Amino acid sequence: WKRPGDPRGAITLRHLLHMASGLQ
């Protein structure tokens, strides 16, 4: 997710713990 321009780079631990990553 750290590659330049990858929108998944905005996902935080808080998002993951809240089940709100946005991943398909």
PDB file of all heavy atoms in Angstrom:
ATOM      1  N   TRP A   1       0.814  -1.217   0.000  1.00  0.00           N
ATOM      2  CA  TRP A   1       0.000   0.000   0.000  1.00  0.00           C
ATOM      3  C   TRP A   1       0.848   1.267   0.000  1.00  0.00           C
ATOM      4  O   TRP A   1       0.312   2.371  -0.067  1.00  0.00           O
ATOM      5  CB  TRP A   1      -0.928   0.020   1.216  1.00  0.00           C
ATOM      6  CG  TRP A   1      -1.891  -1.130   1.288  1.00  0.00           C
ATOM      7  CD1 TRP A   1      -2.137  -2.069   0.333  1.00  0.00           C
ATOM      8  CD2 TRP A   1      -2.738  -1.456   2.394  1.00  0.00           C
ATOM      9  NE1 TRP A   1      -3.076  -2.969   0.759  1.00  0.00           N
ATOM     10  CE2 TRP A   1      -3.466  -2.614   2.022  1.00  0.00           C
ATOM     11  CE3 TRP A   1      -2.952  -0.891   3.651  1.00  0.00           C
ATOM     12  CZ2 TRP A   1      -4.398  -3.220   2.877  1.00  0.00           C
ATOM     13  CZ3 TRP A   1      -3.876  -1.483   4.500  1.00  0.00           C
ATOM     14  CH2 TRP A   1      -4.589  -2.637   4.117  1.00  0.00           C
ATOM     15  N   LYS A   2       2.152   1.111   0.098  1.00  0.00           N
ATOM     16  CA  LYS A   2       3.035   2.274   0.194  1.00  0.00           C
ATOM     17  C   LYS A   2       3.502   2.783  -1.169  1.00  0.00           C
ATOM     18  O   LYS A   2       4.190   3.808  -1.244  1.00  0.00           O
ATOM     19  CB  LYS A   2       4.268   1.922   1.040  1.00  0.00           C
ATOM     20  CG  LYS A   2       3.939   1.696   2.515  1.00  0.00           C
ATOM     21  CD  LYS A   2       5.204   1.423   3.313  1.00  0.00           C
ATOM     22  CE  LYS A   2       4.909   1.272   4.800  1.00  0.00           C
ATOM     23  NZ  LYS A   2       6.141   1.017   5.584  1.00  0.00           N
ATOM     24  N   ARG A   3       3.120   2.111  -2.226  1.00  0.00           N
ATOM     25  CA  ARG A   3       3.534   2.542  -3.558  1.00  0.00           C
ATOM     26  C   ARG A   3       2.889   3.882  -3.900  1.00  0.00           C
ATOM     27  O   ARG A   3       1.714   4.111  -3.565  1.00  0.00           O
ATOM     28  CB  ARG A   3       3.145   1.488  -4.594  1.00  0.00           C
ATOM     29  CG  ARG A   3       3.939   0.195  -4.458  1.00  0.00           C
ATOM     30  CD  ARG A   3       3.429  -0.875  -5.388  1.00  0.00           C
ATOM     31  NE  ARG A   3       2.049  -1.249  -5.077  1.00  0.00           N
ATOM     32  CZ  ARG A   3       1.438  -2.314  -5.601  1.00  0.00           C
ATOM     33  NH1 ARG A   3       2.082  -3.074  -6.460  1.00  0.00           N
ATOM     34  NH2 ARG A   3       0.198  -2.585  -5.283  1.00  0.00           N
ATOM     35  N   PRO A   4       3.627   4.774  -4.521  1.00  0.00           N
ATOM     36  CA  PRO A   4       3.081   6.100  -4.855  1.00  0.00           C
ATOM     37  C   PRO A   4       1.772   6.002  -5.638  1.00  0.00           C
ATOM     38  O   PRO A   4       1.662   5.231  -6.586  1.00  0.00           O
ATOM     39  CB  PRO A   4       4.192   6.732  -5.705  1.00  0.00           C
ATOM     40  CG  PRO A   4       5.436   6.030  -5.273  1.00  0.00           C
ATOM     41  CD  PRO A   4       5.030   4.626  -4.956  1.00  0.00           C
ATOM     42  N   GLY A   5       0.793   6.757  -5.178  1.00  0.00           N
ATOM     43  CA  GLY A   5      -0.480   6.796  -5.872  1.00  0.00           C
ATOM     44  C   GLY A   5      -1.459   5.709  -5.483  1.00  0.00           C
ATOM     45  O   GLY A   5      -2.609   5.714  -5.951  1.00  0.00           O
ATOM     46  N   ASP A   6      -1.059   4.753  -4.626  1.00  0.00           N
ATOM     47  CA  ASP A   6      -1.980   3.685  -4.209  1.00  0.00           C
ATOM     48  C   ASP A   6      -2.958   4.260  -3.194  1.00  0.00           C
ATOM     49  O   ASP A   6      -2.553   4.684  -2.099  1.00  0.00           O
ATOM     50  CB  ASP A   6      -1.197   2.522  -3.592  1.00  0.00           C
ATOM     51  CG  ASP A   6      -2.055   1.260  -3.423  1.00  0.00           C
ATOM     52  OD1 ASP A   6      -3.251   1.404  -3.106  1.00  0.00           O
ATOM     53  OD2 ASP A   6      -1.527   0.157  -3.607  1.00  0.00           O
ATOM     54  N   PRO A   7      -4.261   4.289  -3.489  1.00  0.00           N
ATOM     55  CA  PRO A   7      -5.227   4.891  -2.560  1.00  0.00           C
ATOM     56  C   PRO A   7      -5.357   4.127  -1.255  1.00  0.00           C
ATOM     57  O   PRO A   7      -5.841   4.674  -0.257  1.00  0.00           O
ATOM     58  CB  PRO A   7      -6.532   4.872  -3.351  1.00  0.00           C
ATOM     59  CG  PRO A   7      -6.370   3.764  -4.343  1.00  0.00           C
ATOM     60  CD  PRO A   7      -4.916   3.779  -4.702  1.00  0.00           C
ATOM     61  N   ARG A   8      -4.893   2.877  -1.233  1.00  0.00           N
ATOM     62  CA  ARG A   8      -4.955   2.102   0.015  1.00  0.00           C
ATOM     63  C   ARG A   8      -3.963   2.621   1.050  1.00  0.00           C
ATOM     64  O   ARG A   8      -4.046   2.252   2.231  1.00  0.00           O
ATOM     65  CB  ARG A   8      -4.695   0.625  -0.284  1.00  0.00           C
ATOM     66  CG  ARG A   8      -5.765  -0.001  -1.184  1.00  0.00           C
ATOM     67  CD  ARG A   8      -5.391  -1.408  -1.605  1.00  0.00           C
ATOM     68  NE  ARG A   8      -4.141  -1.429  -2.371  1.00  0.00           N
ATOM     69  CZ  ARG A   8      -3.600  -2.534  -2.875  1.00  0.00           C
ATOM     70  NH1 ARG A   8      -4.207  -3.701  -2.720  1.00  0.00           N
ATOM     71  NH2 ARG A   8      -2.462  -2.476  -3.548  1.00  0.00           N
ATOM     72  N   GLY A   9      -3.064   3.466   0.635  1.00  0.00           N
ATOM     73  CA  GLY A   9      -2.130   4.076   1.572  1.00  0.00           C
ATOM     74  C   GLY A   9      -2.792   4.963   2.598  1.00  0.00           C
ATOM     75  O   GLY A   9      -2.172   5.337   3.598  1.00  0.00           O
ATOM     76  N   ALA A  10      -4.061   5.304   2.379  1.00  0.00           N
ATOM     77  CA  ALA A  10      -4.800   6.126   3.349  1.00  0.00           C
ATOM     78  C   ALA A  10      -5.430   5.297   4.462  1.00  0.00           C
ATOM     79  O   ALA A  10      -5.982   5.856   5.417  1.00  0.00           O
ATOM     80  CB  ALA A  10      -5.891   6.914   2.623  1.00  0.00           C
ATOM     81  N   ILE A  11      -5.357   3.967   4.354  1.00  0.00           N
ATOM     82  CA  ILE A  11      -5.955   3.107   5.385  1.00  0.00           C
ATOM     83  C   ILE A  11      -5.094   3.148   6.643  1.00  0.00           C
ATOM     84  O   ILE A  11      -3.878   2.949   6.592  1.00  0.00           O
ATOM     85  CB  ILE A  11      -6.071   1.656   4.877  1.00  0.00           C
ATOM     86  CG1 ILE A  11      -6.964   1.594   3.641  1.00  0.00           C
ATOM     87  CG2 ILE A  11      -6.619   0.747   5.975  1.00  0.00           C
ATOM     88  CD1 ILE A  11      -6.964   0.225   2.960  1.00  0.00           C
ATOM     89  N   THR A  12      -5.713   3.388   7.786  1.00  0.00           N
ATOM     90  CA  THR A  12      -5.013   3.423   9.065  1.00  0.00           C
ATOM     91  C   THR A  12      -5.356   2.193   9.912  1.00  0.00           C
ATOM     92  O   THR A  12      -6.297   1.452   9.597  1.00  0.00           O
ATOM     93  CB  THR A  12      -5.398   4.675   9.866  1.00  0.00           C
ATOM     94  OG1 THR A  12      -6.796   4.580  10.227  1.00  0.00           O
ATOM     95  CG2 THR A  12      -5.160   5.951   9.056  1.00  0.00           C
ATOM     96  N   LEU A  13      -4.617   2.022  10.998  1.00  0.00           N
ATOM     97  CA  LEU A  13      -4.954   0.959  11.946  1.00  0.00           C
ATOM     98  C   LEU A  13      -6.360   1.153  12.508  1.00  0.00           C
ATOM     99  O   LEU A  13      -7.105   0.193  12.704  1.00  0.00           O
ATOM    100  CB  LEU A  13      -3.943   0.925  13.092  1.00  0.00           C
ATOM    101  CG  LEU A  13      -2.556   0.357  12.826  1.00  0.00           C
ATOM    102  CD1 LEU A  13      -1.731   0.397  14.101  1.00  0.00           C
ATOM    103  CD2 LEU A  13      -2.634  -1.072  12.304  1.00  0.00           C
ATOM    104  N   ARG A  14      -6.732   2.397  12.757  1.00  0.00           N
ATOM    105  CA  ARG A  14      -8.075   2.676  13.268  1.00  0.00           C
ATOM    106  C   ARG A  14      -9.138   2.167  12.283  1.00  0.00           C
ATOM    107  O   ARG A  14     -10.123   1.540  12.688  1.00  0.00           O
ATOM    108  CB  ARG A  14      -8.257   4.173  13.517  1.00  0.00           C
ATOM    109  CG  ARG A  14      -9.581   4.531  14.199  1.00  0.00           C
ATOM    110  CD  ARG A  14      -9.772   6.034  14.282  1.00  0.00           C
ATOM    111  NE  ARG A  14      -8.762   6.684  15.107  1.00  0.00           N
ATOM    112  CZ  ARG A  14      -8.871   6.854  16.413  1.00  0.00           C
ATOM    113  NH1 ARG A  14      -9.950   6.433  17.059  1.00  0.00           N
ATOM    114  NH2 ARG A  14      -7.906   7.475  17.083  1.00  0.00           N
ATOM    115  N   HIS A  15      -8.934   2.436  11.001  1.00  0.00           N
ATOM    116  CA  HIS A  15      -9.874   1.943   9.997  1.00  0.00           C
ATOM    117  C   HIS A  15      -9.965   0.419  10.040  1.00  0.00           C
ATOM    118  O   HIS A  15     -11.065  -0.153   9.980  1.00  0.00           O
ATOM    119  CB  HIS A  15      -9.429   2.376   8.593  1.00  0.00           C
ATOM    120  CG  HIS A  15      -9.478   3.843   8.365  1.00  0.00           C
ATOM    121  ND1 HIS A  15      -8.568   4.497   7.551  1.00  0.00           N
ATOM    122  CD2 HIS A  15     -10.319   4.812   8.835  1.00  0.00           C
ATOM    123  CE1 HIS A  15      -8.850   5.789   7.524  1.00  0.00           C
ATOM    124  NE2 HIS A  15      -9.901   6.000   8.296  1.00  0.00           N
ATOM    125  N   LEU A  16      -8.825  -0.249  10.128  1.00  0.00           N
ATOM    126  CA  LEU A  16      -8.817  -1.708  10.156  1.00  0.00           C
ATOM    127  C   LEU A  16      -9.521  -2.241  11.400  1.00  0.00           C
ATOM    128  O   LEU A  16     -10.325  -3.177  11.317  1.00  0.00           O
ATOM    129  CB  LEU A  16      -7.381  -2.222  10.092  1.00  0.00           C
ATOM    130  CG  LEU A  16      -6.622  -1.968   8.785  1.00  0.00           C
ATOM    131  CD1 LEU A  16      -5.143  -2.270   8.955  1.00  0.00           C
ATOM    132  CD2 LEU A  16      -7.208  -2.786   7.636  1.00  0.00           C
ATOM    133  N   LEU A  17      -9.249  -1.660  12.541  1.00  0.00           N
ATOM    134  CA  LEU A  17      -9.852  -2.124  13.790  1.00  0.00           C
ATOM    135  C   LEU A  17     -11.351  -1.859  13.836  1.00  0.00           C
ATOM    136  O   LEU A  17     -12.099  -2.578  14.504  1.00  0.00           O
ATOM    137  CB  LEU A  17      -9.147  -1.473  14.980  1.00  0.00           C
ATOM    138  CG  LEU A  17      -7.729  -1.997  15.231  1.00  0.00           C
ATOM    139  CD1 LEU A  17      -6.925  -1.002  16.050  1.00  0.00           C
ATOM    140  CD2 LEU A  17      -7.770  -3.357  15.926  1.00  0.00           C
ATOM    141  N   HIS A  18     -11.801  -0.830  13.140  1.00  0.00           N
ATOM    142  CA  HIS A  18     -13.228  -0.519  13.071  1.00  0.00           C
ATOM    143  C   HIS A  18     -13.924  -1.228  11.913  1.00  0.00           C
ATOM    144  O   HIS A  18     -15.105  -0.975  11.663  1.00  0.00           O
ATOM    145  CB  HIS A  18     -13.426   0.993  12.926  1.00  0.00           C
ATOM    146  CG  HIS A  18     -13.259   1.737  14.205  1.00  0.00           C
ATOM    147  ND1 HIS A  18     -13.063   3.108  14.247  1.00  0.00           N
ATOM    148  CD2 HIS A  18     -13.261   1.318  15.495  1.00  0.00           C
ATOM    149  CE1 HIS A  18     -12.954   3.488  15.511  1.00  0.00           C
ATOM    150  NE2 HIS A  18     -13.073   2.426  16.281  1.00  0.00           N
ATOM    151  N   MET A  19     -13.227  -2.111  11.214  1.00  0.00           N
ATOM    152  CA  MET A  19     -13.785  -2.800  10.042  1.00  0.00           C
ATOM    153  C   MET A  19     -14.276  -1.784   9.006  1.00  0.00           C
ATOM    154  O   MET A  19     -15.354  -1.908   8.438  1.00  0.00           O
ATOM    155  CB  MET A  19     -14.926  -3.741  10.443  1.00  0.00           C
ATOM    156  CG  MET A  19     -14.515  -4.885  11.333  1.00  0.00           C
ATOM    157  SD  MET A  19     -13.420  -6.040  10.460  1.00  0.00           S
ATOM    158  CE  MET A  19     -13.216  -7.318  11.719  1.00  0.00           C
ATOM    159  N   ALA A  20     -13.462  -0.784   8.767  1.00  0.00           N
ATOM    160  CA  ALA A  20     -13.838   0.274   7.836  1.00  0.00           C
ATOM    161  C   ALA A  20     -12.691   0.601   6.887  1.00  0.00           C
ATOM    162  O   ALA A  20     -12.477   1.755   6.522  1.00  0.00           O
ATOM    163  CB  ALA A  20     -14.252   1.530   8.607  1.00  0.00           C
ATOM    164  N   SER A  21     -11.963  -0.425   6.457  1.00  0.00           N
ATOM    165  CA  SER A  21     -10.822  -0.199   5.573  1.00  0.00           C
ATOM    166  C   SER A  21     -11.245   0.292   4.199  1.00  0.00           C
ATOM    167  O   SER A  21     -10.481   0.979   3.516  1.00  0.00           O
ATOM    168  CB  SER A  21     -10.015  -1.492   5.415  1.00  0.00           C
ATOM    169  OG  SER A  21     -10.761  -2.453   4.678  1.00  0.00           O
ATOM    170  N   GLY A  22     -12.430  -0.089   3.770  1.00  0.00           N
ATOM    171  CA  GLY A  22     -12.863   0.221   2.411  1.00  0.00           C
ATOM    172  C   GLY A  22     -12.432  -0.811   1.391  1.00  0.00           C
ATOM    173  O   GLY A  22     -12.768  -0.695   0.213  1.00  0.00           O
ATOM    174  N   LEU A  23     -11.693  -1.850   1.816  1.00  0.00           N
ATOM    175  CA  LEU A  23     -11.250  -2.877   0.890  1.00  0.00           C
ATOM    176  C   LEU A  23     -12.438  -3.705   0.395  1.00  0.00           C
ATOM    177  O   LEU A  23     -13.385  -3.975   1.137  1.00  0.00           O
ATOM    178  CB  LEU A  23     -10.241  -3.812   1.570  1.00  0.00           C
ATOM    179  CG  LEU A  23      -8.886  -3.210   1.935  1.00  0.00           C
ATOM    180  CD1 LEU A  23      -8.080  -4.196   2.755  1.00  0.00           C
ATOM    181  CD2 LEU A  23      -8.109  -2.790   0.677  1.00  0.00           C
ATOM    182  N   GLN A  24     -12.365  -4.100  -0.853  1.00  0.00           N
ATOM    183  CA  GLN A  24     -13.402  -4.959  -1.428  1.00  0.00           C
ATOM    184  C   GLN A  24     -13.469  -6.273  -0.649  1.00  0.00           C
ATOM    185  O   GLN A  24     -12.450  -6.926  -0.434  1.00  0.00           O
ATOM    186  CB  GLN A  24     -13.067  -5.235  -2.890  1.00  0.00           C
ATOM    187  CG  GLN A  24     -14.063  -6.115  -3.607  1.00  0.00           C
ATOM    188  CD  GLN A  24     -13.679  -6.263  -5.069  1.00  0.00           C
ATOM    189  OE1 GLN A  24     -13.774  -5.315  -5.845  1.00  0.00           O
ATOM    190  NE2 GLN A  24     -13.204  -7.439  -5.429  1.00  0.00           N
TER     191      GLN A  24
END
